[in-house]
PDB file of N, CA and C in Angstrom:
ATOM      1  N   MET A   1     111.805  67.820   7.894  1.00  0.00           N
ATOM      2  CA  MET A   1     111.862  69.669   8.302  1.00  0.00           C
ATOM      3  C   MET A   1     111.647  70.343   7.398  1.00  0.00           C
ATOM      4  N   SER A   2     111.076  71.433   8.022  1.00  0.00           N
ATOM      5  CA  SER A   2     111.146  72.638   6.983  1.00  0.00           C
ATOM      6  C   SER A   2     110.751  73.863   7.620  1.00  0.00           C
ATOM      7  N   SER A   3     111.967  74.594   7.187  1.00  0.00           N
ATOM      8  CA  SER A   3     112.309  76.089   7.733  1.00  0.00           C
ATOM      9  C   SER A   3     111.376  77.087   6.809  1.00  0.00           C
ATOM     10  N   SER A   4     111.319  78.462   7.070  1.00  0.00           N
ATOM     11  CA  SER A   4     111.948  79.212   6.218  1.00  0.00           C
ATOM     12  C   SER A   4     112.475  80.317   5.521  1.00  0.00           C
ATOM     13  N   LEU A   5     113.635  79.788   6.804  1.00  0.00           N
ATOM     14  CA  LEU A   5     114.664  80.907   6.894  1.00  0.00           C
ATOM     15  C   LEU A   5     116.048  79.863   5.551  1.00  0.00           C
ATOM     16  N   PRO A   6     117.011  80.498   5.434  1.00  0.00           N
ATOM     17  CA  PRO A   6     118.189  80.026   4.855  1.00  0.00           C
ATOM     18  C   PRO A   6     118.675  78.368   5.235  1.00  0.00           C
ATOM     19  N   ILE A   7     118.723  77.728   4.558  1.00  0.00           N
ATOM     20  CA  ILE A   7     119.925  76.323   5.362  1.00  0.00           C
ATOM     21  C   ILE A   7     120.952  76.553   4.052  1.00  0.00           C
ATOM     22  N   THR A   8     121.693  76.065   4.605  1.00  0.00           N
ATOM     23  CA  THR A   8     123.295  75.755   3.869  1.00  0.00           C
ATOM     24  C   THR A   8     123.972  74.236   4.562  1.00  0.00           C
ATOM     25  N   PRO A   9     125.424  74.156   3.368  1.00  0.00           N
ATOM     26  CA  PRO A   9     126.235  73.345   4.181  1.00  0.00           C
ATOM     27  C   PRO A   9     126.959  74.532   5.436  1.00  0.00           C
ATOM     28  N   LEU A  10     127.262  74.054   5.931  1.00  0.00           N
ATOM     29  CA  LEU A  10     128.163  74.626   7.120  1.00  0.00           C
ATOM     30  C   LEU A  10     129.161  75.816   6.684  1.00  0.00           C
ATOM     31  N   CYS A  11     129.943  74.629   5.856  1.00  0.00           N
ATOM     32  CA  CYS A  11     131.066  74.892   5.179  1.00  0.00           C
ATOM     33  C   CYS A  11     130.952  76.277   3.766  1.00  0.00           C
ATOM     34  N   GLN A  12     129.519  76.703   4.128  1.00  0.00           N
ATOM     35  CA  GLN A  12     129.492  77.575   2.499  1.00  0.00           C
ATOM     36  C   GLN A  12     128.779  79.186   3.431  1.00  0.00           C
ATOM     37  N   LEU A  13     128.383  78.760   5.144  1.00  0.00           N
ATOM     38  CA  LEU A  13     128.232  79.937   5.720  1.00  0.00           C
ATOM     39  C   LEU A  13     129.513  80.948   6.108  1.00  0.00           C
ATOM     40  N   PRO A  14     129.196  82.096   5.671  1.00  0.00           N
ATOM     41  CA  PRO A  14     130.202  83.266   6.146  1.00  0.00           C
ATOM     42  C   PRO A  14     130.852  83.182   7.208  1.00  0.00           C
ATOM     43  N   ALA A  15     132.156  83.767   7.396  1.00  0.00           N
ATOM     44  CA  ALA A  15     132.846  83.850   8.698  1.00  0.00           C
ATOM     45  C   ALA A  15     132.101  85.046   9.569  1.00  0.00           C
ATOM     46  N   GLY A  16     132.942  84.633  10.675  1.00  0.00           N
ATOM     47  CA  GLY A  16     131.522  85.525  11.997  1.00  0.00           C
ATOM     48  C   GLY A  16     129.562  85.580  11.984  1.00  0.00           C
ATOM     49  N   THR A  17     129.439  84.397  11.477  1.00  0.00           N
ATOM     50  CA  THR A  17     127.771  84.484  11.070  1.00  0.00           C
ATOM     51  C   THR A  17     127.639  82.832  11.759  1.00  0.00           C
ATOM     52  N   THR A  18     126.620  83.605  13.391  1.00  0.00           N
ATOM     53  CA  THR A  18     126.558  81.753  13.473  1.00  0.00           C
ATOM     54  C   THR A  18     125.166  81.954  12.784  1.00  0.00           C
ATOM     55  N   ALA A  19     124.484  80.345  13.198  1.00  0.00           N
ATOM     56  CA  ALA A  19     123.666  79.315  12.654  1.00  0.00           C
ATOM     57  C   ALA A  19     123.300  78.238  13.744  1.00  0.00           C
ATOM     58  N   ARG A  20     121.917  78.125  13.109  1.00  0.00           N
ATOM     59  CA  ARG A  20     121.729  76.775  14.125  1.00  0.00           C
ATOM     60  C   ARG A  20     121.770  75.426  13.121  1.00  0.00           C
ATOM     61  N   VAL A  21     122.429  74.590  14.046  1.00  0.00           N
ATOM     62  CA  VAL A  21     122.267  73.353  12.651  1.00  0.00           C
ATOM     63  C   VAL A  21     121.092  72.235  12.890  1.00  0.00           C
ATOM     64  N   PHE A  22     120.887  72.171  11.397  1.00  0.00           N
ATOM     65  CA  PHE A  22     119.200  72.161  11.006  1.00  0.00           C
ATOM     66  C   PHE A  22     119.494  70.582  11.042  1.00  0.00           C
ATOM     67  N   GLN A  23     120.677  70.216  10.384  1.00  0.00           N
ATOM     68  CA  GLN A  23     119.959  68.481   9.995  1.00  0.00           C
ATOM     69  C   GLN A  23     121.820  68.149   9.375  1.00  0.00           C
ATOM     70  N   LEU A  24     121.766  66.900   9.829  1.00  0.00           N
ATOM     71  CA  LEU A  24     123.397  65.795   9.821  1.00  0.00           C
ATOM     72  C   LEU A  24     123.228  64.677   8.607  1.00  0.00           C
ATOM     73  N   THR A  25     123.793  65.095   7.360  1.00  0.00           N
ATOM     74  CA  THR A  25     123.632  63.637   6.548  1.00  0.00           C
ATOM     75  C   THR A  25     125.156  63.133   7.020  1.00  0.00           C
ATOM     76  N   GLY A  26     124.757  61.833   6.151  1.00  0.00           N
ATOM     77  CA  GLY A  26     126.670  61.084   5.905  1.00  0.00           C
ATOM     78  C   GLY A  26     125.839  59.828   6.836  1.00  0.00           C
ATOM     79  N   ASP A  27     126.836  59.026   7.280  1.00  0.00           N
ATOM     80  CA  ASP A  27     126.131  57.499   7.110  1.00  0.00           C
ATOM     81  C   ASP A  27     125.939  57.898   9.251  1.00  0.00           C
ATOM     82  N   ASP A  28     125.834  57.113   9.689  1.00  0.00           N
ATOM     83  CA  ASP A  28     125.406  56.507  11.291  1.00  0.00           C
ATOM     84  C   ASP A  28     126.192  57.074  12.161  1.00  0.00           C
ATOM     85  N   SER A  29     128.249  56.288  11.885  1.00  0.00           N
ATOM     86  CA  SER A  29     128.968  56.857  12.461  1.00  0.00           C
ATOM     87  C   SER A  29     129.403  58.283  12.391  1.00  0.00           C
ATOM     88  N   PHE A  30     129.316  59.053  10.760  1.00  0.00           N
ATOM     89  CA  PHE A  30     129.773  60.392  11.282  1.00  0.00           C
ATOM     90  C   PHE A  30     128.533  61.209  12.036  1.00  0.00           C
ATOM     91  N   CYS A  31     127.064  60.466  11.524  1.00  0.00           N
ATOM     92  CA  CYS A  31     126.575  61.757  12.552  1.00  0.00           C
ATOM     93  C   CYS A  31     126.445  61.917  14.407  1.00  0.00           C
ATOM     94  N   GLN A  32     127.235  60.126  14.789  1.00  0.00           N
ATOM     95  CA  GLN A  32     127.509  60.269  16.380  1.00  0.00           C
ATOM     96  C   GLN A  32     128.579  61.174  15.865  1.00  0.00           C
ATOM     97  N   TRP A  33     129.940  60.274  15.895  1.00  0.00           N
ATOM     98  CA  TRP A  33     130.341  61.576  15.847  1.00  0.00           C
ATOM     99  C   TRP A  33     130.492  62.868  15.817  1.00  0.00           C
ATOM    100  N   ILE A  34     129.790  63.312  15.194  1.00  0.00           N
ATOM    101  CA  ILE A  34     129.604  64.994  14.850  1.00  0.00           C
ATOM    102  C   ILE A  34     128.609  65.349  16.700  1.00  0.00           C
ATOM    103  N   ARG A  35     127.911  64.754  16.626  1.00  0.00           N
ATOM    104  CA  ARG A  35     126.850  65.241  18.075  1.00  0.00           C
ATOM    105  C   ARG A  35     127.729  65.054  18.962  1.00  0.00           C
ATOM    106  N   GLU A  36     128.514  63.709  18.856  1.00  0.00           N
ATOM    107  CA  GLU A  36     129.571  63.378  20.206  1.00  0.00           C
ATOM    108  C   GLU A  36     130.411  65.102  20.546  1.00  0.00           C
ATOM    109  N   MET A  37     130.920  65.705  19.342  1.00  0.00           N
ATOM    110  CA  MET A  37     131.250  66.999  19.558  1.00  0.00           C
ATOM    111  C   MET A  37     130.505  68.348  19.551  1.00  0.00           C
ATOM    112  N   GLY A  38     130.030  67.947  19.607  1.00  0.00           N
ATOM    113  CA  GLY A  38     128.539  69.370  20.012  1.00  0.00           C
ATOM    114  C   GLY A  38     127.660  69.704  18.948  1.00  0.00           C
ATOM    115  N   PHE A  39     127.930  69.101  17.733  1.00  0.00           N
ATOM    116  CA  PHE A  39     126.931  69.551  16.251  1.00  0.00           C
ATOM    117  C   PHE A  39     125.796  69.619  16.447  1.00  0.00           C
ATOM    118  N   GLY A  40     125.478  68.432  17.780  1.00  0.00           N
ATOM    119  CA  GLY A  40     123.552  68.185  17.371  1.00  0.00           C
ATOM    120  C   GLY A  40     122.615  68.701  16.687  1.00  0.00           C
ATOM    121  N   GLU A  41     121.963  68.584  16.634  1.00  0.00           N
ATOM    122  CA  GLU A  41     120.464  69.178  15.686  1.00  0.00           C
ATOM    123  C   GLU A  41     120.341  70.177  16.644  1.00  0.00           C
ATOM    124  N   ALA A  42     119.789  71.518  15.890  1.00  0.00           N
ATOM    125  CA  ALA A  42     119.244  72.813  16.812  1.00  0.00           C
ATOM    126  C   ALA A  42     120.563  73.470  18.010  1.00  0.00           C
ATOM    127  N   ALA A  43     121.751  72.829  17.702  1.00  0.00           N
ATOM    128  CA  ALA A  43     123.147  73.440  18.513  1.00  0.00           C
ATOM    129  C   ALA A  43     123.358  75.128  17.394  1.00  0.00           C
ATOM    130  N   LEU A  44     124.167  75.653  18.423  1.00  0.00           N
ATOM    131  CA  LEU A  44     123.984  77.360  17.922  1.00  0.00           C
ATOM    132  C   LEU A  44     125.489  76.809  17.534  1.00  0.00           C
ATOM    133  N   VAL A  45     126.205  77.187  16.298  1.00  0.00           N
ATOM    134  CA  VAL A  45     127.222  77.169  15.667  1.00  0.00           C
ATOM    135  C   VAL A  45     127.699  78.355  14.944  1.00  0.00           C
ATOM    136  N   THR A  46     129.141  78.937  15.296  1.00  0.00           N
ATOM    137  CA  THR A  46     129.739  80.217  14.898  1.00  0.00           C
ATOM    138  C   THR A  46     131.072  79.866  13.879  1.00  0.00           C
ATOM    139  N   LYS A  47     130.949  80.660  12.573  1.00  0.00           N
ATOM    140  CA  LYS A  47     132.056  80.207  12.146  1.00  0.00           C
ATOM    141  C   LYS A  47     133.109  80.921  12.122  1.00  0.00           C
ATOM    142  N   ILE A  48     133.998  81.023  12.507  1.00  0.00           N
ATOM    143  CA  ILE A  48     134.714  82.315  12.759  1.00  0.00           C
ATOM    144  C   ILE A  48     135.605  82.291  11.214  1.00  0.00           C
ATOM    145  N   SER A  49     136.231  80.856  10.358  1.00  0.00           N
ATOM    146  CA  SER A  49     137.168  81.648   9.323  1.00  0.00           C
ATOM    147  C   SER A  49     137.356  80.038   8.505  1.00  0.00           C
ATOM    148  N   GLY A  50     137.208  80.291   7.254  1.00  0.00           N
ATOM    149  CA  GLY A  50     137.567  79.063   6.354  1.00  0.00           C
ATOM    150  C   GLY A  50     137.287  78.543   5.670  1.00  0.00           C
ATOM    151  N   SER A  51     137.306  78.188   4.175  1.00  0.00           N
ATOM    152  CA  SER A  51     136.906  77.294   3.502  1.00  0.00           C
ATOM    153  C   SER A  51     136.618  76.184   3.186  1.00  0.00           C
ATOM    154  N   THR A  52     138.290  75.881   2.748  1.00  0.00           N
ATOM    155  CA  THR A  52     138.793  74.432   3.036  1.00  0.00           C
ATOM    156  C   THR A  52     138.822  73.948   4.134  1.00  0.00           C
ATOM    157  N   THR A  53     139.110  74.426   5.372  1.00  0.00           N
ATOM    158  CA  THR A  53     138.997  73.906   7.054  1.00  0.00           C
ATOM    159  C   THR A  53     138.303  74.571   6.989  1.00  0.00           C
ATOM    160  N   SER A  54     137.311  74.171   7.744  1.00  0.00           N
ATOM    161  CA  SER A  54     136.039  75.566   8.480  1.00  0.00           C
ATOM    162  C   SER A  54     136.537  75.280  10.299  1.00  0.00           C
ATOM    163  N   LEU A  55     136.978  76.705  11.055  1.00  0.00           N
ATOM    164  CA  LEU A  55     137.372  77.058  12.316  1.00  0.00           C
ATOM    165  C   LEU A  55     135.891  77.331  12.855  1.00  0.00           C
ATOM    166  N   CYS A  56     135.193  76.286  13.685  1.00  0.00           N
ATOM    167  CA  CYS A  56     133.706  76.867  14.198  1.00  0.00           C
ATOM    168  C   CYS A  56     133.796  76.883  15.641  1.00  0.00           C
ATOM    169  N   LEU A  57     133.113  77.712  16.061  1.00  0.00           N
ATOM    170  CA  LEU A  57     132.317  77.400  17.648  1.00  0.00           C
ATOM    171  C   LEU A  57     131.278  77.020  18.270  1.00  0.00           C
ATOM    172  N   VAL A  58     131.257  76.189  18.580  1.00  0.00           N
ATOM    173  CA  VAL A  58     129.942  75.130  19.480  1.00  0.00           C
ATOM    174  C   VAL A  58     130.250  74.694  20.522  1.00  0.00           C
ATOM    175  N   ASN A  59     129.451  75.487  21.105  1.00  0.00           N
ATOM    176  CA  ASN A  59     129.419  75.113  23.005  1.00  0.00           C
ATOM    177  C   ASN A  59     130.657  75.345  23.549  1.00  0.00           C
ATOM    178  N   GLY A  60     131.627  76.838  23.431  1.00  0.00           N
ATOM    179  CA  GLY A  60     132.546  77.087  23.652  1.00  0.00           C
ATOM    180  C   GLY A  60     133.563  76.327  22.990  1.00  0.00           C
ATOM    181  N   MET A  61     133.750  76.034  22.655  1.00  0.00           N
ATOM    182  CA  MET A  61     134.831  75.046  22.265  1.00  0.00           C
ATOM    183  C   MET A  61     135.048  75.198  20.507  1.00  0.00           C
ATOM    184  N   ARG A  62     136.223  75.401  20.417  1.00  0.00           N
ATOM    185  CA  ARG A  62     136.845  75.929  19.018  1.00  0.00           C
ATOM    186  C   ARG A  62     137.300  74.675  18.388  1.00  0.00           C
ATOM    187  N   ILE A  63     136.809  74.474  17.207  1.00  0.00           N
ATOM    188  CA  ILE A  63     136.451  72.919  16.429  1.00  0.00           C
ATOM    189  C   ILE A  63     136.791  73.620  15.102  1.00  0.00           C
ATOM    190  N   ALA A  64     137.861  72.469  14.453  1.00  0.00           N
ATOM    191  CA  ALA A  64     138.265  72.650  12.805  1.00  0.00           C
ATOM    192  C   ALA A  64     137.308  71.280  12.584  1.00  0.00           C
ATOM    193  N   LEU A  65     137.072  71.812  10.958  1.00  0.00           N
ATOM    194  CA  LEU A  65     136.177  70.235  10.174  1.00  0.00           C
ATOM    195  C   LEU A  65     136.872  70.500   9.280  1.00  0.00           C
ATOM    196  N   ASN A  66     137.233  69.642   8.340  1.00  0.00           N
ATOM    197  CA  ASN A  66     137.555  69.572   7.001  1.00  0.00           C
ATOM    198  C   ASN A  66     136.357  69.805   6.204  1.00  0.00           C
ATOM    199  N   HIS A  67     136.091  70.122   4.983  1.00  0.00           N
ATOM    200  CA  HIS A  67     135.718  70.696   4.020  1.00  0.00           C
ATOM    201  C   HIS A  67     134.397  69.414   3.817  1.00  0.00           C
ATOM    202  N   ARG A  68     134.927  68.318   3.541  1.00  0.00           N
ATOM    203  CA  ARG A  68     133.918  66.800   3.909  1.00  0.00           C
ATOM    204  C   ARG A  68     132.668  66.648   4.780  1.00  0.00           C
ATOM    205  N   ALA A  69     133.553  67.165   5.850  1.00  0.00           N
ATOM    206  CA  ALA A  69     132.324  67.372   7.054  1.00  0.00           C
ATOM    207  C   ALA A  69     131.735  68.756   7.313  1.00  0.00           C
ATOM    208  N   ALA A  70     132.206  70.161   7.124  1.00  0.00           N
ATOM    209  CA  ALA A  70     131.160  70.798   7.056  1.00  0.00           C
ATOM    210  C   ALA A  70     130.049  70.694   6.458  1.00  0.00           C
ATOM    211  N   MET A  71     130.593  69.859   4.983  1.00  0.00           N
ATOM    212  CA  MET A  71     129.322  69.621   3.896  1.00  0.00           C
ATOM    213  C   MET A  71     128.605  68.838   4.317  1.00  0.00           C
ATOM    214  N   SER A  72     128.755  68.359   5.424  1.00  0.00           N
ATOM    215  CA  SER A  72     127.214  67.090   5.743  1.00  0.00           C
ATOM    216  C   SER A  72     126.925  67.593   7.016  1.00  0.00           C
ATOM    217  N   ILE A  73     127.308  69.090   7.346  1.00  0.00           N
ATOM    218  CA  ILE A  73     126.059  69.986   8.568  1.00  0.00           C
ATOM    219  C   ILE A  73     125.294  70.827   7.874  1.00  0.00           C
ATOM    220  N   VAL A  74     124.351  70.520   7.546  1.00  0.00           N
ATOM    221  CA  VAL A  74     123.207  71.391   7.138  1.00  0.00           C
ATOM    222  C   VAL A  74     122.681  72.744   7.920  1.00  0.00           C
ATOM    223  N   VAL A  75     123.458  74.276   8.409  1.00  0.00           N
ATOM    224  CA  VAL A  75     122.571  74.148   8.866  1.00  0.00           C
ATOM    225  C   VAL A  75     122.031  75.812   8.292  1.00  0.00           C
ATOM    226  N   GLU A  76     120.954  76.292   9.302  1.00  0.00           N
ATOM    227  CA  GLU A  76     119.452  76.993   8.718  1.00  0.00           C
ATOM    228  C   GLU A  76     120.392  78.524   9.365  1.00  0.00           C
ATOM    229  N   HIS A  77     120.318  79.303   8.458  1.00  0.00           N
ATOM    230  CA  HIS A  77     120.787  81.107   9.275  1.00  0.00           C
ATOM    231  C   HIS A  77     119.707  81.617  10.260  1.00  0.00           C
ATOM    232  N   LEU A  78     120.083  81.908  11.297  1.00  0.00           N
ATOM    233  CA  LEU A  78     119.574  83.071  12.101  1.00  0.00           C
ATOM    234  C   LEU A  78     118.407  84.159  11.486  1.00  0.00           C
ATOM    235  N   PRO A  79     117.695  84.580  12.056  1.00  0.00           N
ATOM    236  CA  PRO A  79     116.820  85.939  11.956  1.00  0.00           C
ATOM    237  C   PRO A  79     117.973  87.179  12.105  1.00  0.00           C
ATOM    238  N   ALA A  80     118.061  88.152  11.790  1.00  0.00           N
ATOM    239  CA  ALA A  80     118.954  89.328  12.528  1.00  0.00           C
ATOM    240  C   ALA A  80     118.716  89.651  13.771  1.00  0.00           C
ATOM    241  N   GLN A  81     117.301  89.615  14.245  1.00  0.00           N
ATOM    242  CA  GLN A  81     117.410  89.902  15.579  1.00  0.00           C
ATOM    243  C   GLN A  81     117.484  88.542  16.329  1.00  0.00           C
ATOM    244  N   ALA A  82     117.261  87.600  16.119  1.00  0.00           N
ATOM    245  CA  ALA A  82     117.934  86.757  16.740  1.00  0.00           C
ATOM    246  C   ALA A  82     119.794  85.764  17.605  1.00  0.00           C
ATOM    247  N   ARG A  83     120.474  86.640  16.076  1.00  0.00           N
ATOM    248  CA  ARG A  83     121.662  86.270  16.227  1.00  0.00           C
ATOM    249  C   ARG A  83     122.466  87.230  17.797  1.00  0.00           C
TER     250      ARG A  83
END
């Protein structure tokens, strides 16, 4: 995968920012579990708050993720006009 937009782990996304899930890292069972929660590749996610625990909005649901899970979700920052 290639992108010209900034790519960071979800845990580093500033609160109040919306991004697109770019890539899931980790073992197969983690990736399957996180996809089932709505964090599939290309899903839009808004980080509501947090650094140790990330509170996120995805597909209309608020979901809390621990730091390790949020590190394994790589997001692509959206251009300002797409937010």
